[in-house]
N, C-alpha and C. Protein backbone atom coordinates (compact mmCIF):
# COMPACT_ATOMS: atom_id res chain seq x y z
N MET A 1 -13.12 28.78 -17.13
CA MET A 1 -14.08 27.73 -16.87
C MET A 1 -14.45 27.05 -18.19
N MET A 2 -14.38 25.75 -18.20
CA MET A 2 -14.73 24.96 -19.38
C MET A 2 -16.16 24.45 -19.24
N ILE A 3 -16.85 24.44 -20.34
CA ILE A 3 -18.22 23.92 -20.35
C ILE A 3 -18.18 22.52 -20.95
N HIS A 4 -18.76 21.57 -20.24
CA HIS A 4 -18.79 20.19 -20.72
C HIS A 4 -20.22 19.71 -20.81
N PRO A 5 -20.65 19.10 -21.84
CA PRO A 5 -19.93 18.89 -23.09
C PRO A 5 -19.87 20.18 -23.91
N SER A 6 -18.87 20.28 -24.75
CA SER A 6 -18.68 21.50 -25.53
C SER A 6 -19.75 21.63 -26.62
N ALA A 7 -19.98 22.85 -27.04
CA ALA A 7 -20.98 23.10 -28.08
C ALA A 7 -20.60 22.41 -29.39
N ASP A 8 -19.31 22.41 -29.72
CA ASP A 8 -18.86 21.76 -30.95
C ASP A 8 -19.16 20.26 -30.92
N LYS A 9 -18.93 19.65 -29.78
CA LYS A 9 -19.19 18.22 -29.65
C LYS A 9 -20.69 17.93 -29.75
N LEU A 10 -21.51 18.78 -29.14
CA LEU A 10 -22.96 18.59 -29.18
C LEU A 10 -23.51 18.78 -30.59
N LEU A 11 -22.95 19.73 -31.33
CA LEU A 11 -23.45 20.00 -32.68
C LEU A 11 -23.16 18.86 -33.65
N ARG A 12 -22.28 17.95 -33.29
CA ARG A 12 -22.05 16.77 -34.13
C ARG A 12 -23.21 15.78 -34.02
N ARG A 13 -24.00 15.91 -32.97
CA ARG A 13 -25.13 14.99 -32.74
C ARG A 13 -26.43 15.47 -33.38
N VAL A 14 -26.52 16.76 -33.73
CA VAL A 14 -27.74 17.33 -34.30
C VAL A 14 -27.40 18.11 -35.57
N ASP A 15 -28.44 18.55 -36.27
CA ASP A 15 -28.19 19.23 -37.54
C ASP A 15 -28.10 20.75 -37.43
N SER A 16 -28.47 21.33 -36.28
CA SER A 16 -28.38 22.79 -36.13
C SER A 16 -28.43 23.17 -34.66
N LYS A 17 -28.05 24.40 -34.38
CA LYS A 17 -28.12 24.92 -33.01
C LYS A 17 -29.57 24.95 -32.53
N TYR A 18 -30.47 25.29 -33.43
CA TYR A 18 -31.89 25.35 -33.08
C TYR A 18 -32.38 23.99 -32.61
N THR A 19 -32.03 22.95 -33.34
CA THR A 19 -32.43 21.60 -32.97
C THR A 19 -31.86 21.22 -31.61
N LEU A 20 -30.62 21.59 -31.37
CA LEU A 20 -29.98 21.31 -30.08
C LEU A 20 -30.75 21.97 -28.94
N VAL A 21 -31.10 23.23 -29.11
CA VAL A 21 -31.82 23.96 -28.06
C VAL A 21 -33.20 23.34 -27.81
N VAL A 22 -33.91 23.02 -28.88
CA VAL A 22 -35.25 22.45 -28.72
C VAL A 22 -35.18 21.09 -28.03
N CYS A 23 -34.26 20.24 -28.46
CA CYS A 23 -34.13 18.90 -27.84
C CYS A 23 -33.75 19.01 -26.37
N ALA A 24 -32.78 19.88 -26.06
CA ALA A 24 -32.35 20.03 -24.67
C ALA A 24 -33.46 20.60 -23.80
N ALA A 25 -34.19 21.58 -24.31
CA ALA A 25 -35.27 22.19 -23.53
C ALA A 25 -36.40 21.20 -23.27
N LYS A 26 -36.74 20.42 -24.28
CA LYS A 26 -37.81 19.44 -24.13
C LYS A 26 -37.43 18.38 -23.09
N ARG A 27 -36.20 17.89 -23.16
CA ARG A 27 -35.75 16.87 -22.20
C ARG A 27 -35.64 17.47 -20.80
N ALA A 28 -35.16 18.71 -20.68
CA ALA A 28 -35.05 19.34 -19.36
C ALA A 28 -36.43 19.49 -18.72
N ARG A 29 -37.44 19.85 -19.52
CA ARG A 29 -38.81 19.94 -18.99
C ARG A 29 -39.30 18.58 -18.52
N GLU A 30 -39.01 17.54 -19.28
CA GLU A 30 -39.40 16.19 -18.87
C GLU A 30 -38.76 15.82 -17.53
N LEU A 31 -37.50 16.17 -17.35
CA LEU A 31 -36.81 15.86 -16.10
C LEU A 31 -37.39 16.64 -14.92
N MET A 32 -37.84 17.86 -15.17
CA MET A 32 -38.37 18.71 -14.09
C MET A 32 -39.76 18.28 -13.64
N VAL A 33 -40.56 17.70 -14.50
CA VAL A 33 -41.94 17.37 -14.12
C VAL A 33 -42.10 15.96 -13.57
N GLN A 34 -41.01 15.24 -13.42
CA GLN A 34 -41.11 13.92 -12.81
C GLN A 34 -41.61 14.08 -11.38
N LYS A 35 -42.28 13.05 -10.88
CA LYS A 35 -42.82 13.12 -9.52
C LYS A 35 -41.71 13.36 -8.50
N LYS A 36 -40.59 12.69 -8.67
CA LYS A 36 -39.43 12.90 -7.80
C LYS A 36 -38.27 13.30 -8.71
N PRO A 37 -38.04 14.59 -8.90
CA PRO A 37 -36.92 15.01 -9.76
C PRO A 37 -35.61 14.43 -9.21
N VAL A 38 -34.85 13.81 -10.09
CA VAL A 38 -33.61 13.17 -9.66
C VAL A 38 -32.37 14.00 -9.98
N VAL A 39 -32.55 15.15 -10.60
CA VAL A 39 -31.40 15.98 -10.96
C VAL A 39 -31.60 17.40 -10.46
N ASP A 40 -30.49 18.03 -10.10
CA ASP A 40 -30.55 19.43 -9.67
C ASP A 40 -30.46 20.39 -10.84
N LYS A 41 -29.77 19.97 -11.90
CA LYS A 41 -29.57 20.83 -13.07
C LYS A 41 -30.10 20.11 -14.31
N PRO A 42 -31.38 20.26 -14.60
CA PRO A 42 -31.98 19.49 -15.71
C PRO A 42 -31.41 19.83 -17.09
N VAL A 43 -31.04 21.07 -17.32
CA VAL A 43 -30.49 21.44 -18.64
C VAL A 43 -29.14 20.77 -18.85
N THR A 44 -28.30 20.80 -17.82
CA THR A 44 -27.00 20.15 -17.91
C THR A 44 -27.16 18.66 -18.15
N THR A 45 -28.08 18.04 -17.43
CA THR A 45 -28.33 16.61 -17.61
C THR A 45 -28.82 16.33 -19.02
N ALA A 46 -29.71 17.16 -19.53
CA ALA A 46 -30.23 16.97 -20.90
C ALA A 46 -29.10 17.07 -21.92
N LEU A 47 -28.21 18.04 -21.77
CA LEU A 47 -27.09 18.18 -22.71
C LEU A 47 -26.14 17.00 -22.62
N GLU A 48 -25.91 16.51 -21.42
CA GLU A 48 -25.04 15.33 -21.26
C GLU A 48 -25.68 14.10 -21.91
N GLU A 49 -26.99 13.97 -21.79
CA GLU A 49 -27.69 12.83 -22.42
C GLU A 49 -27.62 12.93 -23.94
N ILE A 50 -27.73 14.13 -24.48
CA ILE A 50 -27.61 14.31 -25.94
C ILE A 50 -26.20 13.93 -26.37
N ASP A 51 -25.20 14.36 -25.62
CA ASP A 51 -23.81 14.06 -25.94
C ASP A 51 -23.54 12.56 -25.92
N LYS A 52 -24.12 11.84 -24.98
CA LYS A 52 -23.90 10.40 -24.86
C LYS A 52 -24.73 9.60 -25.87
N GLY A 53 -25.64 10.26 -26.56
CA GLY A 53 -26.47 9.57 -27.54
C GLY A 53 -27.72 8.94 -26.93
N ILE A 54 -28.01 9.24 -25.67
CA ILE A 54 -29.20 8.71 -25.02
C ILE A 54 -30.44 9.38 -25.59
N ILE A 55 -30.35 10.67 -25.84
CA ILE A 55 -31.44 11.45 -26.42
C ILE A 55 -31.13 11.67 -27.89
N THR A 56 -32.07 11.30 -28.75
CA THR A 56 -31.93 11.51 -30.18
C THR A 56 -33.18 12.21 -30.69
N TYR A 57 -33.17 12.57 -31.94
CA TYR A 57 -34.35 13.21 -32.53
C TYR A 57 -34.53 12.67 -33.93
N GLN A 58 -35.73 12.88 -34.44
CA GLN A 58 -36.03 12.48 -35.82
C GLN A 58 -36.74 13.64 -36.49
N ARG A 59 -36.20 14.09 -37.61
CA ARG A 59 -36.81 15.19 -38.36
C ARG A 59 -38.05 14.63 -39.03
N LEU A 60 -39.22 15.19 -38.71
CA LEU A 60 -40.48 14.67 -39.24
C LEU A 60 -40.78 15.17 -40.65
N ARG A 61 -40.31 16.36 -40.97
CA ARG A 61 -40.52 16.86 -42.32
C ARG A 61 -39.43 17.87 -42.65
N GLU A 62 -39.28 18.13 -43.92
CA GLU A 62 -38.29 19.11 -44.36
C GLU A 62 -38.81 20.52 -44.14
N SER A 63 -37.91 21.46 -44.14
CA SER A 63 -38.32 22.85 -43.95
C SER A 63 -39.17 23.34 -45.12
N ILE A 64 -39.86 24.45 -44.93
CA ILE A 64 -40.83 24.94 -45.92
C ILE A 64 -40.22 26.05 -46.78
N LYS A 65 -38.95 26.17 -46.84
CA LYS A 65 -38.30 27.26 -47.57
C LYS A 65 -38.58 27.25 -49.03
């Protein structure tokens, strides 16, 4: 079974796996709380939107390391 979009392809859109997870989770929650949810699989939809460039992010500050 192939997973689409692939993790490698998604990681080209963000700077880390952590960022990918946070962005996808936030968008999936937004999709689930709509008055009329239009998707059955919100996480899959969120990942597809990230892959297509519909969902982007902006780093607000640098890490505190």
